[in-house]
């Protein structure tokens, strides 16, 4: 039996590992999967985990993505609306927290699109009803609020 550099059987454990990683990606999303943590867990190199993830992504059919993309977009818009409501009624540090949540939502959605090849990695090319421009505007607002805190 062929073994990897850590002395574990190569093919049988790789197949099981890929299946486990695929389930993890399905449950938490690709951008929440930390390759080094998985490498430590499975006692393999980080590059081996990267190869596994690449294999998982290649095995996905475009139709698999179409089914979930609409739900992701709807969830994204709902999350943005919730944050916008919170921003409208909040002030001070609560408003700043809502603005930071807005940015995290945008970053997460962008990472999702990029990780599945649904968006180029150039943020300005994202075509989701102007959300990127709004995210940039809010980022500038945060910088201004942080600058005001330093002055006070």
N, C-alpha and C. Protein backbone atom coordinates (compact mmCIF):
# COMPACT_ATOMS: atom_id res chain seq x y z
N UNK A 1 0.85 -1.18 0.00
CA UNK A 1 0.00 0.00 0.00
C UNK A 1 0.89 1.24 0.00
N UNK A 2 0.56 2.21 -0.84
CA UNK A 2 1.31 3.44 -0.92
C UNK A 2 0.92 4.34 0.24
N UNK A 3 1.94 4.94 0.89
CA UNK A 3 1.66 5.81 2.03
C UNK A 3 2.14 7.21 1.74
N UNK A 4 1.50 8.19 2.40
CA UNK A 4 1.93 9.57 2.23
C UNK A 4 3.12 9.85 3.13
N UNK A 5 3.60 11.11 3.13
CA UNK A 5 4.81 11.43 3.88
C UNK A 5 4.63 11.25 5.39
N UNK A 6 3.42 11.20 5.87
CA UNK A 6 3.17 11.02 7.30
C UNK A 6 2.94 9.55 7.65
N UNK A 7 3.05 8.65 6.65
CA UNK A 7 2.89 7.23 6.91
C UNK A 7 1.47 6.72 6.85
N UNK A 8 0.52 7.54 6.40
CA UNK A 8 -0.88 7.11 6.30
C UNK A 8 -1.15 6.56 4.91
N UNK A 9 -2.09 5.64 4.77
CA UNK A 9 -2.44 5.14 3.43
C UNK A 9 -2.92 6.29 2.56
N UNK A 10 -2.45 6.30 1.28
CA UNK A 10 -2.68 7.45 0.43
C UNK A 10 -4.09 7.53 -0.16
N UNK A 11 -4.49 6.60 -0.97
CA UNK A 11 -5.72 6.74 -1.75
C UNK A 11 -7.00 6.60 -0.93
N UNK A 12 -7.05 5.62 -0.05
CA UNK A 12 -8.29 5.40 0.70
C UNK A 12 -8.60 6.58 1.61
N UNK A 13 -7.59 7.11 2.27
CA UNK A 13 -7.85 8.25 3.17
C UNK A 13 -8.09 9.53 2.38
N UNK A 14 -7.49 9.66 1.21
CA UNK A 14 -7.70 10.87 0.42
C UNK A 14 -9.15 10.96 -0.03
N UNK A 15 -9.70 9.87 -0.49
CA UNK A 15 -11.09 9.86 -0.92
C UNK A 15 -12.02 10.24 0.24
N UNK A 16 -11.80 9.65 1.39
CA UNK A 16 -12.63 9.95 2.57
C UNK A 16 -12.44 11.40 2.99
N UNK A 17 -11.19 11.88 2.94
CA UNK A 17 -10.90 13.27 3.32
C UNK A 17 -11.62 14.24 2.38
N UNK A 18 -11.57 13.96 1.09
CA UNK A 18 -12.24 14.84 0.11
C UNK A 18 -13.73 14.87 0.36
N UNK A 19 -14.32 13.72 0.66
CA UNK A 19 -15.76 13.69 0.96
C UNK A 19 -16.07 14.51 2.21
N UNK A 20 -15.25 14.39 3.24
CA UNK A 20 -15.49 15.16 4.47
C UNK A 20 -15.33 16.66 4.21
N UNK A 21 -14.31 17.03 3.45
CA UNK A 21 -14.09 18.45 3.15
C UNK A 21 -15.24 18.99 2.30
N UNK A 22 -15.73 18.20 1.36
CA UNK A 22 -16.86 18.63 0.52
C UNK A 22 -18.09 18.89 1.38
N UNK A 23 -18.34 18.02 2.37
CA UNK A 23 -19.48 18.23 3.27
C UNK A 23 -19.27 19.49 4.10
N UNK A 24 -18.04 19.70 4.56
CA UNK A 24 -17.73 20.90 5.34
C UNK A 24 -17.97 22.16 4.50
N UNK A 25 -17.50 22.15 3.27
CA UNK A 25 -17.71 23.30 2.37
C UNK A 25 -19.19 23.54 2.16
N UNK A 26 -19.94 22.48 1.99
CA UNK A 26 -21.38 22.59 1.79
C UNK A 26 -22.06 23.21 3.00
N UNK A 27 -21.57 22.88 4.20
CA UNK A 27 -22.19 23.37 5.43
C UNK A 27 -21.78 24.79 5.82
N UNK A 28 -20.50 25.12 5.65
CA UNK A 28 -20.03 26.42 6.16
C UNK A 28 -19.59 27.38 5.06
N UNK A 29 -19.50 26.91 3.83
CA UNK A 29 -19.06 27.77 2.74
C UNK A 29 -17.55 27.66 2.54
N UNK A 30 -17.14 27.81 1.31
CA UNK A 30 -15.73 27.63 0.95
C UNK A 30 -14.82 28.63 1.66
N UNK A 31 -15.27 29.87 1.78
CA UNK A 31 -14.41 30.89 2.37
C UNK A 31 -14.22 30.71 3.88
N UNK A 32 -15.00 29.86 4.51
CA UNK A 32 -14.84 29.58 5.94
C UNK A 32 -14.03 28.31 6.19
N UNK A 33 -13.50 27.72 5.14
CA UNK A 33 -12.68 26.52 5.27
C UNK A 33 -11.22 26.96 5.28
N UNK A 34 -10.54 26.72 6.39
CA UNK A 34 -9.14 27.12 6.54
C UNK A 34 -8.26 25.93 6.20
N UNK A 35 -7.50 26.08 5.14
CA UNK A 35 -6.71 24.97 4.62
C UNK A 35 -5.69 24.45 5.63
N UNK A 36 -5.01 25.34 6.33
CA UNK A 36 -3.98 24.87 7.27
C UNK A 36 -4.60 24.10 8.43
N UNK A 37 -5.76 24.53 8.89
CA UNK A 37 -6.46 23.81 9.96
C UNK A 37 -6.81 22.40 9.50
N UNK A 38 -7.31 22.30 8.26
CA UNK A 38 -7.62 20.98 7.71
C UNK A 38 -6.37 20.14 7.52
N UNK A 39 -5.29 20.78 7.08
CA UNK A 39 -4.03 20.05 6.90
C UNK A 39 -3.56 19.46 8.23
N UNK A 40 -3.67 20.25 9.28
CA UNK A 40 -3.30 19.76 10.61
C UNK A 40 -4.21 18.62 11.05
N UNK A 41 -5.50 18.78 10.80
CA UNK A 41 -6.47 17.75 11.19
C UNK A 41 -6.20 16.42 10.50
N UNK A 42 -5.92 16.48 9.20
CA UNK A 42 -5.74 15.26 8.42
C UNK A 42 -4.28 14.83 8.32
N UNK A 43 -3.40 15.60 8.95
CA UNK A 43 -1.99 15.25 8.99
C UNK A 43 -1.38 15.18 7.57
N UNK A 44 -1.73 16.18 6.75
CA UNK A 44 -1.18 16.31 5.40
C UNK A 44 -0.73 17.75 5.21
N UNK A 45 -0.12 18.03 4.07
CA UNK A 45 0.34 19.39 3.81
C UNK A 45 -0.83 20.29 3.39
N UNK A 46 -0.62 21.58 3.55
CA UNK A 46 -1.63 22.56 3.14
C UNK A 46 -1.84 22.49 1.63
N UNK A 47 -0.78 22.22 0.87
CA UNK A 47 -0.91 22.13 -0.58
C UNK A 47 -1.78 20.92 -0.98
N UNK A 48 -1.73 19.85 -0.20
CA UNK A 48 -2.59 18.68 -0.47
C UNK A 48 -4.06 19.06 -0.27
N UNK A 49 -4.34 19.82 0.79
CA UNK A 49 -5.71 20.28 1.03
C UNK A 49 -6.15 21.20 -0.11
N UNK A 50 -5.26 22.07 -0.58
CA UNK A 50 -5.59 22.95 -1.71
C UNK A 50 -5.93 22.12 -2.94
N UNK A 51 -5.18 21.05 -3.19
CA UNK A 51 -5.48 20.15 -4.32
C UNK A 51 -6.85 19.49 -4.13
N UNK A 52 -7.13 19.06 -2.90
CA UNK A 52 -8.43 18.43 -2.61
C UNK A 52 -9.57 19.41 -2.91
N UNK A 53 -9.42 20.64 -2.45
CA UNK A 53 -10.46 21.65 -2.66
C UNK A 53 -10.62 21.94 -4.16
N UNK A 54 -9.50 22.00 -4.87
CA UNK A 54 -9.56 22.21 -6.31
C UNK A 54 -10.33 21.06 -6.98
N UNK A 55 -10.07 19.85 -6.55
CA UNK A 55 -10.77 18.68 -7.10
C UNK A 55 -12.28 18.77 -6.81
N UNK A 56 -12.62 19.20 -5.59
CA UNK A 56 -14.03 19.35 -5.21
C UNK A 56 -14.70 20.39 -6.11
N UNK A 57 -14.04 21.52 -6.30
CA UNK A 57 -14.61 22.58 -7.12
C UNK A 57 -14.78 22.14 -8.58
N UNK A 58 -13.80 21.38 -9.08
CA UNK A 58 -13.88 20.88 -10.45
C UNK A 58 -15.00 19.88 -10.63
N UNK A 59 -15.31 19.15 -9.57
CA UNK A 59 -16.35 18.12 -9.67
C UNK A 59 -17.76 18.71 -9.61
N UNK A 60 -17.87 19.96 -9.20
CA UNK A 60 -19.18 20.60 -9.12
C UNK A 60 -19.68 20.93 -10.52
N UNK A 61 -20.92 20.70 -10.75
CA UNK A 61 -21.53 21.02 -12.03
C UNK A 61 -22.09 22.44 -11.97
N UNK A 62 -22.07 23.14 -13.09
CA UNK A 62 -22.64 24.49 -13.11
C UNK A 62 -24.09 24.53 -12.61
N UNK A 63 -24.85 23.49 -12.85
CA UNK A 63 -26.24 23.49 -12.39
C UNK A 63 -26.31 23.46 -10.86
N UNK A 64 -25.31 22.86 -10.22
CA UNK A 64 -25.27 22.87 -8.76
C UNK A 64 -25.22 24.30 -8.25
N UNK A 65 -24.44 25.13 -8.92
CA UNK A 65 -24.28 26.51 -8.50
C UNK A 65 -25.51 27.36 -8.79
N UNK A 66 -26.17 27.08 -9.90
CA UNK A 66 -27.35 27.87 -10.25
C UNK A 66 -28.43 27.74 -9.18
N UNK A 67 -28.58 26.55 -8.65
CA UNK A 67 -29.61 26.34 -7.63
C UNK A 67 -29.34 27.15 -6.36
N UNK A 68 -28.08 27.24 -5.98
CA UNK A 68 -27.78 27.94 -4.73
C UNK A 68 -27.51 29.43 -4.91
N UNK A 69 -27.13 29.84 -6.11
CA UNK A 69 -26.79 31.24 -6.33
C UNK A 69 -27.97 32.16 -6.04
N UNK A 70 -29.15 31.80 -6.49
CA UNK A 70 -30.33 32.64 -6.24
C UNK A 70 -30.57 32.77 -4.74
N UNK A 71 -30.49 31.66 -4.01
CA UNK A 71 -30.69 31.71 -2.56
C UNK A 71 -29.63 32.56 -1.87
N UNK A 72 -28.40 32.46 -2.33
CA UNK A 72 -27.33 33.28 -1.76
C UNK A 72 -27.61 34.75 -2.00
N UNK A 73 -28.01 35.09 -3.22
CA UNK A 73 -28.30 36.50 -3.54
C UNK A 73 -29.47 37.01 -2.71
N UNK A 74 -30.50 36.20 -2.57
CA UNK A 74 -31.65 36.62 -1.75
C UNK A 74 -31.25 36.79 -0.29
N UNK A 75 -30.47 35.86 0.21
CA UNK A 75 -29.98 35.98 1.59
C UNK A 75 -29.12 37.21 1.78
N UNK A 76 -28.29 37.48 0.79
CA UNK A 76 -27.43 38.65 0.82
C UNK A 76 -28.26 39.93 0.88
N UNK A 77 -29.25 40.01 0.03
CA UNK A 77 -30.10 41.20 0.02
C UNK A 77 -30.89 41.36 1.31
N UNK A 78 -31.37 40.25 1.88
CA UNK A 78 -32.09 40.32 3.15
C UNK A 78 -31.15 40.80 4.25
N UNK A 79 -29.94 40.27 4.27
CA UNK A 79 -28.98 40.70 5.28
C UNK A 79 -28.67 42.19 5.14
N UNK A 80 -28.50 42.64 3.91
CA UNK A 80 -28.26 44.07 3.68
C UNK A 80 -29.43 44.91 4.16
N UNK A 81 -30.64 44.50 3.85
CA UNK A 81 -31.82 45.26 4.29
C UNK A 81 -31.89 45.33 5.81
N UNK A 82 -31.60 44.20 6.48
CA UNK A 82 -31.60 44.19 7.94
C UNK A 82 -30.56 45.17 8.50
N UNK A 83 -29.38 45.17 7.89
CA UNK A 83 -28.32 46.08 8.35
C UNK A 83 -28.69 47.52 8.06
N UNK A 84 -29.28 47.79 6.89
CA UNK A 84 -29.70 49.15 6.57
C UNK A 84 -30.72 49.66 7.60
N UNK A 85 -31.65 48.80 7.99
CA UNK A 85 -32.64 49.18 9.00
C UNK A 85 -31.94 49.52 10.32
N UNK A 86 -30.98 48.70 10.70
CA UNK A 86 -30.25 48.94 11.95
C UNK A 86 -29.45 50.24 11.86
N UNK A 87 -28.86 50.49 10.70
CA UNK A 87 -28.09 51.73 10.53
C UNK A 87 -29.00 52.95 10.63
N UNK A 88 -30.21 52.84 10.15
CA UNK A 88 -31.13 53.96 10.14
C UNK A 88 -31.58 54.35 11.54
N UNK A 89 -31.71 53.39 12.43
CA UNK A 89 -32.24 53.69 13.76
C UNK A 89 -31.15 53.76 14.84
N UNK A 90 -29.91 53.50 14.47
CA UNK A 90 -28.83 53.47 15.46
C UNK A 90 -27.99 54.73 15.38
N UNK A 91 -27.22 54.91 16.43
CA UNK A 91 -26.26 56.01 16.44
C UNK A 91 -25.03 55.57 17.23
N UNK A 92 -23.97 56.32 17.09
CA UNK A 92 -22.75 56.04 17.84
C UNK A 92 -22.15 54.69 17.51
N UNK A 93 -21.73 53.97 18.55
CA UNK A 93 -21.04 52.69 18.34
C UNK A 93 -21.98 51.63 17.75
N UNK A 94 -23.28 51.71 18.05
CA UNK A 94 -24.22 50.75 17.45
C UNK A 94 -24.30 50.93 15.93
N UNK A 95 -24.28 52.18 15.52
CA UNK A 95 -24.31 52.45 14.07
C UNK A 95 -23.01 51.98 13.42
N UNK A 96 -21.90 52.22 14.09
CA UNK A 96 -20.62 51.77 13.57
C UNK A 96 -20.61 50.24 13.45
N UNK A 97 -21.16 49.55 14.44
CA UNK A 97 -21.24 48.08 14.38
C UNK A 97 -22.09 47.63 13.19
N UNK A 98 -23.19 48.33 12.93
CA UNK A 98 -24.05 47.99 11.80
C UNK A 98 -23.31 48.21 10.48
N UNK A 99 -22.56 49.27 10.41
CA UNK A 99 -21.79 49.56 9.19
C UNK A 99 -20.72 48.49 8.98
N UNK A 100 -20.07 48.08 10.05
CA UNK A 100 -19.06 47.02 9.94
C UNK A 100 -19.70 45.70 9.53
N UNK A 101 -20.90 45.43 10.02
CA UNK A 101 -21.62 44.23 9.62
C UNK A 101 -21.94 44.29 8.12
N UNK A 102 -22.33 45.47 7.66
CA UNK A 102 -22.60 45.67 6.23
C UNK A 102 -21.37 45.29 5.41
N UNK A 103 -20.20 45.75 5.83
CA UNK A 103 -18.97 45.45 5.11
C UNK A 103 -18.66 43.95 5.12
N UNK A 104 -18.88 43.30 6.26
CA UNK A 104 -18.63 41.85 6.34
C UNK A 104 -19.57 41.08 5.42
N UNK A 105 -20.81 41.52 5.32
CA UNK A 105 -21.76 40.87 4.43
C UNK A 105 -21.27 40.99 2.99
N UNK A 106 -20.87 42.18 2.62
CA UNK A 106 -20.38 42.39 1.26
C UNK A 106 -19.13 41.58 0.96
N UNK A 107 -18.21 41.52 1.91
CA UNK A 107 -16.99 40.74 1.72
C UNK A 107 -17.32 39.26 1.58
N UNK A 108 -18.23 38.76 2.41
CA UNK A 108 -18.60 37.36 2.34
C UNK A 108 -19.23 36.99 1.02
N UNK A 109 -20.12 37.85 0.54
CA UNK A 109 -20.79 37.59 -0.73
C UNK A 109 -19.78 37.63 -1.87
N UNK A 110 -18.88 38.59 -1.82
CA UNK A 110 -17.85 38.70 -2.85
C UNK A 110 -16.96 37.46 -2.85
N UNK A 111 -16.54 37.01 -1.67
CA UNK A 111 -15.70 35.80 -1.58
C UNK A 111 -16.44 34.59 -2.13
N UNK A 112 -17.73 34.50 -1.85
CA UNK A 112 -18.53 33.40 -2.40
C UNK A 112 -18.49 33.41 -3.92
N UNK A 113 -18.77 34.56 -4.50
CA UNK A 113 -18.80 34.66 -5.96
C UNK A 113 -17.43 34.35 -6.56
N UNK A 114 -16.37 34.88 -5.94
CA UNK A 114 -15.03 34.63 -6.44
C UNK A 114 -14.63 33.17 -6.31
N UNK A 115 -14.98 32.54 -5.19
CA UNK A 115 -14.55 31.17 -4.94
C UNK A 115 -15.15 30.18 -5.92
N UNK A 116 -16.32 30.49 -6.47
CA UNK A 116 -16.94 29.60 -7.44
C UNK A 116 -16.79 30.11 -8.87
N UNK A 117 -15.96 31.12 -9.05
CA UNK A 117 -15.72 31.63 -10.39
C UNK A 117 -16.89 32.37 -10.99
N UNK A 118 -17.81 32.84 -10.14
CA UNK A 118 -18.97 33.57 -10.63
C UNK A 118 -18.68 35.06 -10.76
N UNK A 119 -17.52 35.46 -10.31
CA UNK A 119 -17.12 36.87 -10.35
C UNK A 119 -15.62 36.94 -10.48
N UNK A 120 -15.14 37.86 -11.31
CA UNK A 120 -13.71 38.10 -11.38
C UNK A 120 -13.25 38.68 -10.05
N UNK A 121 -11.97 38.57 -9.76
CA UNK A 121 -11.48 39.05 -8.49
C UNK A 121 -11.29 40.56 -8.45
N UNK A 122 -11.71 41.25 -9.48
CA UNK A 122 -11.67 42.71 -9.49
C UNK A 122 -13.02 43.20 -8.98
N UNK A 123 -13.04 43.80 -7.80
CA UNK A 123 -14.29 44.16 -7.13
C UNK A 123 -15.18 45.07 -7.98
N UNK A 124 -14.59 45.93 -8.79
CA UNK A 124 -15.40 46.86 -9.57
C UNK A 124 -16.23 46.16 -10.64
N UNK A 125 -15.93 44.90 -10.96
CA UNK A 125 -16.68 44.18 -11.98
C UNK A 125 -17.93 43.50 -11.43
N UNK A 126 -18.15 43.55 -10.12
CA UNK A 126 -19.32 42.91 -9.53
C UNK A 126 -20.58 43.65 -9.97
N UNK A 127 -21.52 42.91 -10.50
CA UNK A 127 -22.75 43.52 -10.99
C UNK A 127 -23.93 43.06 -10.15
N UNK A 128 -24.07 43.64 -8.97
CA UNK A 128 -25.17 43.28 -8.09
C UNK A 128 -25.84 44.57 -7.65
N UNK A 129 -26.53 45.18 -8.58
CA UNK A 129 -27.34 46.37 -8.33
C UNK A 129 -26.62 47.47 -7.55
N UNK A 130 -25.36 47.70 -7.84
CA UNK A 130 -24.65 48.81 -7.23
C UNK A 130 -24.24 48.60 -5.79
N UNK A 131 -24.31 47.38 -5.28
CA UNK A 131 -23.95 47.15 -3.88
C UNK A 131 -22.48 47.46 -3.59
N UNK A 132 -21.61 47.23 -4.57
CA UNK A 132 -20.19 47.49 -4.36
C UNK A 132 -19.97 48.99 -4.16
N UNK A 133 -20.62 49.80 -4.97
CA UNK A 133 -20.46 51.25 -4.80
C UNK A 133 -20.97 51.67 -3.42
N UNK A 134 -22.06 51.08 -2.98
CA UNK A 134 -22.59 51.39 -1.65
C UNK A 134 -21.63 50.93 -0.57
N UNK A 135 -21.03 49.77 -0.78
CA UNK A 135 -20.06 49.26 0.19
C UNK A 135 -18.86 50.20 0.29
N UNK A 136 -18.40 50.70 -0.84
CA UNK A 136 -17.28 51.65 -0.83
C UNK A 136 -17.66 52.92 -0.07
N UNK A 137 -18.89 53.40 -0.32
CA UNK A 137 -19.34 54.62 0.36
C UNK A 137 -19.39 54.41 1.86
N UNK A 138 -19.88 53.26 2.29
CA UNK A 138 -19.97 52.96 3.71
C UNK A 138 -18.57 52.82 4.31
N UNK A 139 -17.64 52.23 3.58
CA UNK A 139 -16.26 52.11 4.07
C UNK A 139 -15.67 53.49 4.34
N UNK A 140 -15.93 54.41 3.44
CA UNK A 140 -15.46 55.78 3.65
C UNK A 140 -16.12 56.41 4.88
N UNK A 141 -17.40 56.11 5.09
CA UNK A 141 -18.11 56.61 6.26
C UNK A 141 -17.47 56.08 7.54
N UNK A 142 -17.11 54.80 7.54
CA UNK A 142 -16.45 54.19 8.71
C UNK A 142 -15.12 54.88 8.98
N UNK A 143 -14.35 55.10 7.93
CA UNK A 143 -13.06 55.77 8.09
C UNK A 143 -13.26 57.15 8.71
N UNK A 144 -14.28 57.86 8.23
CA UNK A 144 -14.57 59.19 8.78
C UNK A 144 -14.98 59.13 10.24
N UNK A 145 -15.81 58.12 10.59
CA UNK A 145 -16.24 57.98 11.99
C UNK A 145 -15.06 57.61 12.88
N UNK A 146 -14.17 56.76 12.39
CA UNK A 146 -12.99 56.38 13.17
C UNK A 146 -12.06 57.59 13.36
N UNK A 147 -11.95 58.42 12.32
CA UNK A 147 -11.14 59.62 12.42
C UNK A 147 -11.73 60.58 13.45
N UNK A 148 -13.08 60.68 13.50
CA UNK A 148 -13.73 61.54 14.49
C UNK A 148 -13.45 61.04 15.91
N UNK A 149 -13.43 59.73 16.10
CA UNK A 149 -13.14 59.18 17.43
C UNK A 149 -11.74 59.55 17.88
N UNK A 150 -10.78 59.51 16.95
CA UNK A 150 -9.39 59.83 17.28
C UNK A 150 -9.28 61.30 17.68
N UNK A 151 -10.00 62.17 16.97
CA UNK A 151 -9.95 63.62 17.27
C UNK A 151 -10.53 63.91 18.63
N UNK A 152 -11.63 63.21 19.00
CA UNK A 152 -12.29 63.46 20.28
C UNK A 152 -11.43 62.91 21.36
